[in-house]
């Protein structure tokens, strides 16, 4: 049992002083006035953080961990050219051990940037289900809470390692879901890739699996105009209209990624069907996708989380960064400084992502998982802070640099201490990534 005494604690939407947080068994067991907590838990290990501001850990609700290995490749290219010259060119060479190296690399970086949970949308199955197991093991070794959005992909124009039959995809998702059903640090959800990379029958199979497993399913929706054009050509309706028409939206299990190119009717369908959205603003800018209409979706009551997307289409993987990008991009898009405010952006990156992933995280509350981040108030990027603490949340969203992140705690265990990864050796991670990519670059460059 541990008792944390910070400078400030973010509780019920406010920064409060003289508050202590008590953890035990990976859970927050109590929050209250410091003296009262010390008296109530006299045997707890006291952790005094007089300069730290404790906030919920951020939730990276959409990532592709293997893409961290491809960062910097085919940069500044149109979407399909980027896909072909980065993803399709290099990913066929990734064995399970390479997928593990890439995932360790990605999860370590994002955790140092304040992420305590990640949903990894994974589809590189060059060695079948062993590749999924490699990503899961990487999350365990790094110490991050993990959701595997296990991708279901049957478009044969993609590399062979991406592609499965419907029966194969269903079997593999079910196997993993059953295997990790009682693992508090790992969740499995079905993720039919998109309407351009998964057949309608594959999407429907993903939805049926979500019903069977009692979870949500994830799907990329209308990230690029070409998908809208393709769906209009093949089905004579727009993407969200098709998803509604085939019956996968009515029970509120759909988590859509991106939703850049929605018309007004599609936005209404998202709201009416209680769909959720993971918004990836930096990736949408990097790939010149366009700008999702976040204010309209907020107004409709759509639950919104934030994702970094893959690190070769961002190229940072920080949810704090996505909070800033979300608010700033929406303001300039709408020419309205109130389009998305700092509190909404912060909520998307914490509580919103938690609700989408259906996990007791994203808030500092009794009974929730002990996942939180400690920010140093004395970091230059966190100042100034007055006695009223009015600037703290705006500074976190708009000004804070990663240098302010001193500690990260996941499931009650400190995984980042004074900005340094505690679970694995960072120099070894870098060495392994460099060796791997030098070898794969030679393979991919052969005529």
Protein backbone atom coordinates (compact mmCIF):
# COMPACT_ATOMS: atom_id res chain seq x y z
CA UNK A 1 0.00 0.00 0.00
CA UNK A 2 1.29 3.46 -0.97
CA UNK A 3 0.19 6.94 0.01
CA UNK A 4 1.03 9.75 -2.42
CA UNK A 5 1.18 13.36 -1.22
CA UNK A 6 1.52 15.71 -4.22
CA UNK A 7 1.46 19.49 -4.59
CA UNK A 8 -1.86 19.25 -6.47
CA UNK A 9 -4.24 16.44 -7.37
CA UNK A 10 -6.69 16.57 -10.30
CA UNK A 11 -9.96 15.37 -8.81
CA UNK A 12 -13.52 15.82 -10.06
CA UNK A 13 -12.37 18.29 -12.71
CA UNK A 14 -10.44 20.52 -10.29
CA UNK A 15 -6.89 20.84 -9.03
CA UNK A 16 -6.91 20.45 -5.25
CA UNK A 17 -4.16 20.96 -2.70
CA UNK A 18 -3.74 19.08 0.57
CA UNK A 19 -5.00 15.86 -1.01
CA UNK A 20 -3.50 12.38 -0.77
CA UNK A 21 -4.08 9.34 -2.93
CA UNK A 22 -3.77 5.80 -1.59
CA UNK A 23 -3.15 2.78 -3.82
CA UNK A 24 -3.14 -0.93 -3.16
CA UNK A 25 -3.23 -3.95 -5.44
CA UNK A 26 -3.18 -1.81 -8.57
CA UNK A 27 -6.26 0.18 -7.52
CA UNK A 28 -6.94 3.60 -6.00
CA UNK A 29 -8.41 2.69 -2.62
CA UNK A 30 -8.91 6.16 -1.17
CA UNK A 31 -8.53 9.88 -1.82
CA UNK A 32 -8.88 12.52 0.85
CA UNK A 33 -7.25 15.20 2.96
CA UNK A 34 -3.60 14.44 3.67
CA UNK A 35 -3.82 14.27 7.45
CA UNK A 36 -6.92 12.10 7.32
CA UNK A 37 -5.32 9.67 4.85
CA UNK A 38 -2.13 9.42 6.93
CA UNK A 39 -4.20 8.70 10.04
CA UNK A 40 -6.38 6.15 8.23
CA UNK A 41 -3.46 4.33 6.57
CA UNK A 42 -0.56 4.58 9.05
CA UNK A 43 1.24 1.55 7.58
CA UNK A 44 1.18 2.78 3.98
CA UNK A 45 4.46 3.63 2.29
CA UNK A 46 4.62 7.43 2.18
CA UNK A 47 5.58 8.97 -1.17
CA UNK A 48 5.97 12.72 -0.85
CA UNK A 49 5.91 14.67 -4.11
CA UNK A 50 5.84 18.31 -2.99
CA UNK A 51 6.58 19.63 -6.50
CA UNK A 52 4.34 17.24 -8.43
CA UNK A 53 0.88 17.63 -9.94
CA UNK A 54 -0.89 14.28 -10.25
CA UNK A 55 -3.25 13.84 -13.20
CA UNK A 56 -4.82 10.72 -14.73
CA UNK A 57 -2.63 8.81 -17.12
CA UNK A 58 -3.41 9.56 -20.74
CA UNK A 59 -5.15 7.01 -22.96
CA UNK A 60 -3.76 6.49 -26.45
CA UNK A 61 -6.91 5.09 -28.02
CA UNK A 62 -5.44 4.42 -31.47
CA UNK A 63 -1.90 3.44 -32.37
CA UNK A 64 -0.06 1.10 -34.76
CA UNK A 65 3.04 0.10 -32.80
CA UNK A 66 4.95 -1.48 -35.69
CA UNK A 67 4.86 1.87 -37.51
CA UNK A 68 7.30 3.35 -35.01
CA UNK A 69 9.96 1.36 -36.84
CA UNK A 70 9.07 3.21 -40.05
CA UNK A 71 9.18 6.74 -38.69
CA UNK A 72 10.85 9.13 -41.11
CA UNK A 73 10.35 6.88 -44.15
CA UNK A 74 8.30 8.18 -47.10
CA UNK A 75 7.60 11.41 -45.23
CA UNK A 76 5.72 14.23 -46.95
CA UNK A 77 4.03 11.97 -49.49
CA UNK A 78 0.35 11.63 -50.48
CA UNK A 79 -1.53 9.02 -48.42
CA UNK A 80 -1.48 6.12 -50.88
CA UNK A 81 2.14 6.77 -51.86
CA UNK A 82 3.09 6.91 -48.17
CA UNK A 83 1.22 3.64 -47.56
CA UNK A 84 2.96 1.86 -50.42
CA UNK A 85 6.48 3.21 -49.79
CA UNK A 86 6.48 2.83 -45.99
CA UNK A 87 3.92 0.30 -44.74
CA UNK A 88 3.66 -2.03 -47.72
CA UNK A 89 7.36 -1.88 -48.57
CA UNK A 90 8.80 -2.70 -45.16
CA UNK A 91 6.16 -4.51 -43.08
CA UNK A 92 6.33 -7.83 -45.03
CA UNK A 93 9.83 -8.32 -43.58
CA UNK A 94 8.72 -8.03 -39.94
CA UNK A 95 8.87 -11.31 -38.06
CA UNK A 96 7.27 -11.70 -34.64
CA UNK A 97 10.53 -10.83 -32.89
CA UNK A 98 10.73 -7.64 -34.96
CA UNK A 99 7.14 -6.76 -34.15
CA UNK A 100 8.09 -7.15 -30.47
CA UNK A 101 11.03 -4.77 -30.88
CA UNK A 102 8.84 -2.19 -32.60
CA UNK A 103 6.14 -2.45 -29.95
CA UNK A 104 8.62 -2.10 -27.08
CA UNK A 105 10.00 0.98 -28.84
CA UNK A 106 6.55 2.53 -29.35
CA UNK A 107 5.14 1.73 -25.91
CA UNK A 108 8.25 2.94 -24.10
CA UNK A 109 8.23 6.28 -25.90
CA UNK A 110 4.54 6.96 -25.38
CA UNK A 111 4.70 5.94 -21.72
CA UNK A 112 7.54 8.40 -21.13
CA UNK A 113 5.17 10.96 -22.68
CA UNK A 114 2.46 10.15 -20.11
CA UNK A 115 0.42 7.34 -21.72
CA UNK A 116 -0.61 4.63 -19.27
CA UNK A 117 -2.94 2.77 -21.67
CA UNK A 118 -2.72 2.12 -25.40
CA UNK A 119 -5.04 0.53 -27.92
CA UNK A 120 -2.86 -0.96 -30.62
CA UNK A 121 -4.60 -1.54 -33.95
CA UNK A 122 -2.48 -4.42 -35.16
CA UNK A 123 -2.55 -6.17 -38.52
CA UNK A 124 0.96 -7.37 -39.44
CA UNK A 125 0.50 -11.14 -39.10
CA UNK A 126 3.48 -12.41 -41.06
CA UNK A 127 3.86 -15.17 -38.45
CA UNK A 128 0.18 -15.50 -37.67
CA UNK A 129 -1.05 -15.25 -34.11
CA UNK A 130 2.55 -15.32 -32.86
CA UNK A 131 2.79 -11.73 -34.08
CA UNK A 132 -0.17 -10.73 -31.87
CA UNK A 133 1.44 -12.46 -28.91
CA UNK A 134 4.64 -10.51 -29.53
CA UNK A 135 2.83 -7.17 -29.23
CA UNK A 136 1.05 -8.31 -26.07
CA UNK A 137 4.33 -9.44 -24.53
CA UNK A 138 5.92 -6.10 -25.40
CA UNK A 139 3.17 -4.25 -23.54
CA UNK A 140 3.66 -6.49 -20.52
CA UNK A 141 7.42 -5.97 -20.53
CA UNK A 142 7.12 -2.20 -20.83
CA UNK A 143 4.37 -2.14 -18.19
CA UNK A 144 1.67 -0.30 -20.12
CA UNK A 145 -2.03 -1.20 -19.92
CA UNK A 146 -2.94 -2.76 -23.24
CA UNK A 147 -5.88 -3.14 -25.58
CA UNK A 148 -5.22 -5.17 -28.72
CA UNK A 149 -7.54 -3.97 -31.46
CA UNK A 150 -6.98 -7.22 -33.34
CA UNK A 151 -7.44 -6.33 -36.98
CA UNK A 152 -9.63 -8.29 -39.40
CA UNK A 153 -8.43 -7.66 -42.96
CA UNK A 154 -9.41 -9.50 -46.14
CA UNK A 155 -8.55 -7.13 -49.01
CA UNK A 156 -6.10 -9.10 -51.13
CA UNK A 157 -4.41 -5.98 -52.52
CA UNK A 158 -2.51 -5.65 -49.23
CA UNK A 159 0.66 -7.56 -48.26
CA UNK A 160 -0.07 -11.24 -47.62
CA UNK A 161 0.71 -10.97 -43.90
CA UNK A 162 -2.24 -8.61 -43.41
CA UNK A 163 -4.82 -10.86 -45.05
CA UNK A 164 -7.03 -13.54 -43.48
CA UNK A 165 -10.29 -15.20 -44.37
CA UNK A 166 -13.29 -14.28 -42.26
CA UNK A 167 -13.17 -17.65 -40.49
CA UNK A 168 -9.46 -17.27 -39.73
CA UNK A 169 -9.87 -13.75 -38.38
CA UNK A 170 -12.82 -14.71 -36.17
CA UNK A 171 -11.00 -17.77 -34.85
CA UNK A 172 -7.87 -15.78 -33.98
CA UNK A 173 -9.70 -12.92 -32.27
CA UNK A 174 -11.76 -15.37 -30.20
CA UNK A 175 -8.69 -17.35 -29.22
CA UNK A 176 -6.89 -14.26 -27.95
CA UNK A 177 -9.99 -12.88 -26.21
CA UNK A 178 -10.51 -16.14 -24.34
CA UNK A 179 -6.83 -16.52 -23.46
CA UNK A 180 -6.57 -13.03 -21.92
CA UNK A 181 -10.08 -12.82 -20.52
CA UNK A 182 -8.86 -12.77 -16.91
CA UNK A 183 -5.77 -10.61 -17.45
CA UNK A 184 -6.45 -7.20 -15.92
CA UNK A 185 -3.72 -5.57 -18.02
CA UNK A 186 -4.77 -6.93 -21.44
CA UNK A 187 -8.03 -6.62 -23.37
CA UNK A 188 -8.85 -7.88 -26.86
CA UNK A 189 -11.36 -6.22 -29.20
CA UNK A 190 -12.21 -7.01 -32.82
CA UNK A 191 -11.14 -4.44 -35.39
CA UNK A 192 -12.30 -4.91 -38.99
CA UNK A 193 -9.86 -2.61 -40.72
CA UNK A 194 -12.05 -0.33 -42.83
CA UNK A 195 -14.59 -0.41 -45.61
CA UNK A 196 -11.74 -0.36 -48.14
CA UNK A 197 -9.68 -3.15 -46.56
CA UNK A 198 -12.37 -5.37 -45.03
CA UNK A 199 -15.37 -6.75 -46.87
CA UNK A 200 -18.87 -5.99 -45.66
CA UNK A 201 -19.07 -9.58 -44.42
CA UNK A 202 -15.82 -9.13 -42.48
CA UNK A 203 -17.16 -5.95 -40.87
CA UNK A 204 -20.35 -7.77 -39.92
CA UNK A 205 -18.30 -10.63 -38.48
CA UNK A 206 -16.35 -8.12 -36.35
CA UNK A 207 -19.60 -6.69 -35.05
CA UNK A 208 -20.96 -10.14 -34.20
CA UNK A 209 -17.75 -10.87 -32.31
CA UNK A 210 -18.15 -7.63 -30.35
CA UNK A 211 -21.65 -8.74 -29.38
CA UNK A 212 -20.38 -12.18 -28.36
CA UNK A 213 -17.47 -10.75 -26.36
CA UNK A 214 -19.58 -7.88 -25.00
CA UNK A 215 -17.18 -5.18 -26.14
CA UNK A 216 -16.87 -2.51 -28.80
CA UNK A 217 -15.35 -3.04 -32.23
CA UNK A 218 -12.97 -0.55 -33.87
CA UNK A 219 -12.92 0.44 -37.53
CA UNK A 220 -11.21 3.14 -39.62
CA UNK A 221 -13.94 5.30 -41.19
CA UNK A 222 -13.68 7.92 -43.93
CA UNK A 223 -10.08 8.91 -43.27
CA UNK A 224 -9.49 9.75 -46.93
CA UNK A 225 -11.78 10.85 -49.78
CA UNK A 226 -10.90 7.73 -51.78
CA UNK A 227 -12.78 5.55 -49.29
CA UNK A 228 -15.90 7.71 -49.59
CA UNK A 229 -15.66 7.56 -53.39
CA UNK A 230 -15.17 3.79 -53.34
CA UNK A 231 -18.14 3.17 -51.04
CA UNK A 232 -20.34 5.50 -53.08
CA UNK A 233 -19.33 3.69 -56.27
CA UNK A 234 -19.83 0.18 -54.90
CA UNK A 235 -22.81 0.68 -52.58
CA UNK A 236 -24.44 3.95 -53.65
CA UNK A 237 -24.21 5.39 -50.14
CA UNK A 238 -21.59 6.98 -47.90
CA UNK A 239 -19.44 5.03 -45.37
CA UNK A 240 -21.42 5.67 -42.18
CA UNK A 241 -24.67 5.19 -44.07
CA UNK A 242 -23.43 1.78 -45.22
CA UNK A 243 -22.34 0.82 -41.71
CA UNK A 244 -25.77 1.80 -40.45
CA UNK A 245 -27.51 -0.04 -43.27
CA UNK A 246 -25.68 -3.35 -42.62
CA UNK A 247 -26.71 -3.21 -38.96
CA UNK A 248 -23.41 -2.77 -37.11
CA UNK A 249 -24.21 0.57 -35.48
CA UNK A 250 -27.57 0.12 -33.77
CA UNK A 251 -26.26 -1.27 -30.47
CA UNK A 252 -23.66 1.44 -29.83
CA UNK A 253 -20.67 -0.87 -30.16
CA UNK A 254 -18.92 0.93 -33.01
CA UNK A 255 -15.76 2.91 -32.33
CA UNK A 256 -14.86 4.78 -35.51
CA UNK A 257 -11.34 6.04 -36.14
CA UNK A 258 -10.83 9.38 -37.93
CA UNK A 259 -14.26 10.19 -39.50
CA UNK A 260 -12.72 13.05 -41.45
CA UNK A 261 -15.02 13.01 -44.47
CA UNK A 262 -18.52 12.76 -42.98
CA UNK A 263 -21.50 14.71 -44.26
CA UNK A 264 -24.18 16.05 -41.94
CA UNK A 265 -26.35 12.95 -42.21
CA UNK A 266 -23.43 10.72 -41.24
CA UNK A 267 -22.69 12.89 -38.20
CA UNK A 268 -26.33 12.52 -37.18
CA UNK A 269 -26.10 8.75 -37.59
CA UNK A 270 -23.00 8.67 -35.36
CA UNK A 271 -24.91 10.51 -32.66
CA UNK A 272 -28.18 8.63 -33.02
CA UNK A 273 -26.45 5.26 -32.80
CA UNK A 274 -24.24 6.22 -29.84
CA UNK A 275 -21.09 5.52 -31.81
CA UNK A 276 -17.77 6.68 -30.42
CA UNK A 277 -14.83 8.31 -32.18
CA UNK A 278 -11.08 8.21 -31.79
CA UNK A 279 -9.66 11.42 -33.20
CA UNK A 280 -6.05 11.56 -34.43
CA UNK A 281 -5.45 15.23 -35.31
CA UNK A 282 -1.67 15.13 -35.81
CA UNK A 283 -1.86 12.14 -38.12
CA UNK A 284 -4.70 13.73 -40.08
CA UNK A 285 -2.52 16.81 -40.57
CA UNK A 286 0.65 14.86 -41.40
CA UNK A 287 -1.11 12.85 -44.12
CA UNK A 288 -3.19 15.82 -45.31
CA UNK A 289 -6.35 13.81 -44.64
CA UNK A 290 -8.53 16.77 -43.69
CA UNK A 291 -10.19 17.98 -40.50
CA UNK A 292 -12.82 16.04 -38.57
CA UNK A 293 -15.79 18.16 -37.44
CA UNK A 294 -15.29 17.68 -33.72
CA UNK A 295 -17.67 20.43 -32.49
CA UNK A 296 -20.58 18.89 -34.41
CA UNK A 297 -19.86 15.44 -32.99
CA UNK A 298 -19.52 16.83 -29.46
CA UNK A 299 -22.85 18.58 -29.87
CA UNK A 300 -24.40 15.28 -30.95
CA UNK A 301 -23.16 13.58 -27.80
CA UNK A 302 -20.54 11.35 -29.45
CA UNK A 303 -17.91 10.10 -26.99
CA UNK A 304 -14.48 11.15 -28.29
CA UNK A 305 -11.03 9.87 -27.39
CA UNK A 306 -7.62 10.77 -28.80
CA UNK A 307 -5.05 8.68 -30.60
CA UNK A 308 -1.55 9.24 -31.89
CA UNK A 309 -2.01 6.84 -34.81
CA UNK A 310 1.24 5.23 -35.99
CA UNK A 311 4.51 7.02 -35.43
CA UNK A 312 5.29 7.17 -39.14
CA UNK A 313 2.20 9.29 -39.74
CA UNK A 314 2.46 11.79 -36.88
CA UNK A 315 5.44 11.45 -36.00
CA UNK A 316 5.20 11.91 -32.24
CA UNK A 317 3.24 9.53 -30.02
CA UNK A 318 2.11 11.71 -27.13
CA UNK A 319 -1.53 12.10 -26.13
CA UNK A 320 -0.70 15.38 -24.40
CA UNK A 321 0.46 16.55 -27.83
CA UNK A 322 -2.83 15.38 -29.36
CA UNK A 323 -4.79 17.39 -26.79
CA UNK A 324 -3.04 20.54 -27.99
CA UNK A 325 -3.40 19.67 -31.66
CA UNK A 326 -7.07 18.84 -31.24
CA UNK A 327 -7.97 22.16 -29.68
CA UNK A 328 -5.75 24.28 -31.93
CA UNK A 329 -6.78 22.64 -35.20
CA UNK A 330 -10.47 22.91 -34.41
CA UNK A 331 -10.13 26.58 -33.46
CA UNK A 332 -8.46 27.55 -36.72
CA UNK A 333 -10.73 25.30 -38.77
CA UNK A 334 -13.87 26.92 -37.36
CA UNK A 335 -12.32 30.38 -36.84
CA UNK A 336 -13.73 30.07 -33.34
CA UNK A 337 -11.54 30.16 -30.23
CA UNK A 338 -14.27 28.26 -28.35
CA UNK A 339 -14.56 25.41 -30.89
CA UNK A 340 -12.79 22.98 -28.52
CA UNK A 341 -11.53 24.20 -25.16
CA UNK A 342 -8.66 22.90 -23.05
CA UNK A 343 -10.93 21.05 -20.64
CA UNK A 344 -12.67 19.20 -23.48
CA UNK A 345 -9.33 18.28 -25.05
CA UNK A 346 -7.96 17.00 -21.73
CA UNK A 347 -11.10 14.96 -21.14
CA UNK A 348 -10.81 13.37 -24.59
CA UNK A 349 -7.25 12.28 -23.84
CA UNK A 350 -8.17 10.73 -20.49
CA UNK A 351 -11.79 9.98 -19.57
CA UNK A 352 -13.01 9.88 -23.18
CA UNK A 353 -10.48 7.24 -24.19
CA UNK A 354 -11.25 5.27 -21.03
CA UNK A 355 -14.96 5.17 -21.83
CA UNK A 356 -14.25 4.03 -25.39
CA UNK A 357 -11.97 1.23 -24.17
CA UNK A 358 -14.46 0.37 -21.41
CA UNK A 359 -11.83 0.42 -18.67
CA UNK A 360 -11.87 1.93 -15.13
CA UNK A 361 -9.12 4.43 -15.95
CA UNK A 362 -8.86 8.06 -17.09
CA UNK A 363 -9.96 9.55 -13.76
CA UNK A 364 -8.59 9.65 -10.24
CA UNK A 365 -11.41 7.94 -8.37
CA UNK A 366 -11.70 5.35 -5.63
CA UNK A 367 -11.98 1.91 -7.17
CA UNK A 368 -10.34 2.93 -10.45
CA UNK A 369 -7.01 1.55 -11.61
CA UNK A 370 -3.96 3.29 -10.17
CA UNK A 371 -2.81 4.78 -13.48
CA UNK A 372 -1.54 8.34 -13.18
CA UNK A 373 1.18 10.80 -14.15
CA UNK A 374 3.09 13.28 -12.00
CA UNK A 375 4.04 16.59 -13.62
CA UNK A 376 6.71 18.84 -12.13
CA UNK A 377 5.24 22.26 -11.38
CA UNK A 378 8.73 23.76 -11.58
CA UNK A 379 9.30 22.80 -15.20
CA UNK A 380 9.47 26.03 -17.19
CA UNK A 381 6.68 24.87 -19.50
CA UNK A 382 4.27 24.48 -16.54
CA UNK A 383 4.69 28.03 -15.26
CA UNK A 384 3.30 30.40 -14.22
CA UNK A 385 0.95 28.95 -11.61
CA UNK A 386 -0.89 31.34 -9.30
CA UNK A 387 -2.52 30.53 -5.98
CA UNK A 388 -5.87 30.03 -7.69
CA UNK A 389 -4.34 27.34 -9.96
CA UNK A 390 -6.29 28.77 -12.89
CA UNK A 391 -3.41 28.26 -15.33
CA UNK A 392 -2.62 24.64 -14.51
CA UNK A 393 -4.89 22.81 -16.96
CA UNK A 394 -4.41 25.32 -19.80
CA UNK A 395 -0.66 25.04 -19.29
CA UNK A 396 -0.84 21.22 -19.42
CA UNK A 397 -2.82 21.24 -22.67
CA UNK A 398 -1.21 24.18 -24.49
CA UNK A 399 2.29 24.66 -23.06
CA UNK A 400 3.65 21.59 -21.31
CA UNK A 401 6.74 19.87 -22.69
CA UNK A 402 7.67 16.21 -21.99
CA UNK A 403 10.41 17.49 -19.65
CA UNK A 404 7.66 18.13 -17.09
CA UNK A 405 6.73 14.44 -16.86
CA UNK A 406 8.60 13.13 -13.82
CA UNK A 407 6.72 9.96 -12.91
CA UNK A 408 4.32 7.53 -14.56
CA UNK A 409 2.45 4.97 -12.49
CA UNK A 410 0.57 2.08 -14.13
CA UNK A 411 -1.48 -0.40 -12.12
CA UNK A 412 0.15 0.96 -8.98
CA UNK A 413 3.71 0.41 -10.24
CA UNK A 414 6.08 3.27 -11.06
CA UNK A 415 7.21 2.69 -14.65
CA UNK A 416 8.86 6.07 -15.27
CA UNK A 417 10.97 7.69 -12.54
CA UNK A 418 12.41 11.18 -13.00
CA UNK A 419 11.68 10.87 -16.69
CA UNK A 420 13.56 7.57 -17.05
CA UNK A 421 12.02 4.26 -18.05
CA UNK A 422 12.26 1.81 -15.15
CA UNK A 423 11.00 -1.39 -16.72
CA UNK A 424 13.50 -1.79 -19.59
CA UNK A 425 16.89 -0.43 -20.63
CA UNK A 426 16.45 2.46 -23.08
CA UNK A 427 19.92 2.10 -24.60
CA UNK A 428 19.20 -1.54 -25.41
CA UNK A 429 15.87 -0.59 -27.00
CA UNK A 430 17.59 1.94 -29.27
CA UNK A 431 20.36 -0.52 -30.16
CA UNK A 432 17.84 -3.23 -31.07
CA UNK A 433 15.76 -0.84 -33.18
CA UNK A 434 18.82 0.40 -35.09
CA UNK A 435 20.08 -3.12 -35.79
CA UNK A 436 16.65 -4.28 -36.90
CA UNK A 437 16.04 -1.41 -39.29
CA UNK A 438 19.53 -1.59 -40.80
CA UNK A 439 18.83 -5.21 -41.68
CA UNK A 440 15.31 -4.66 -42.98
CA UNK A 441 16.38 -1.66 -45.05
CA UNK A 442 18.88 -3.88 -46.85
CA UNK A 443 16.20 -6.50 -47.50
CA UNK A 444 13.61 -3.99 -48.70
CA UNK A 445 16.15 -2.28 -50.98
CA UNK A 446 17.06 -5.41 -52.91
CA UNK A 447 15.97 -5.27 -56.56
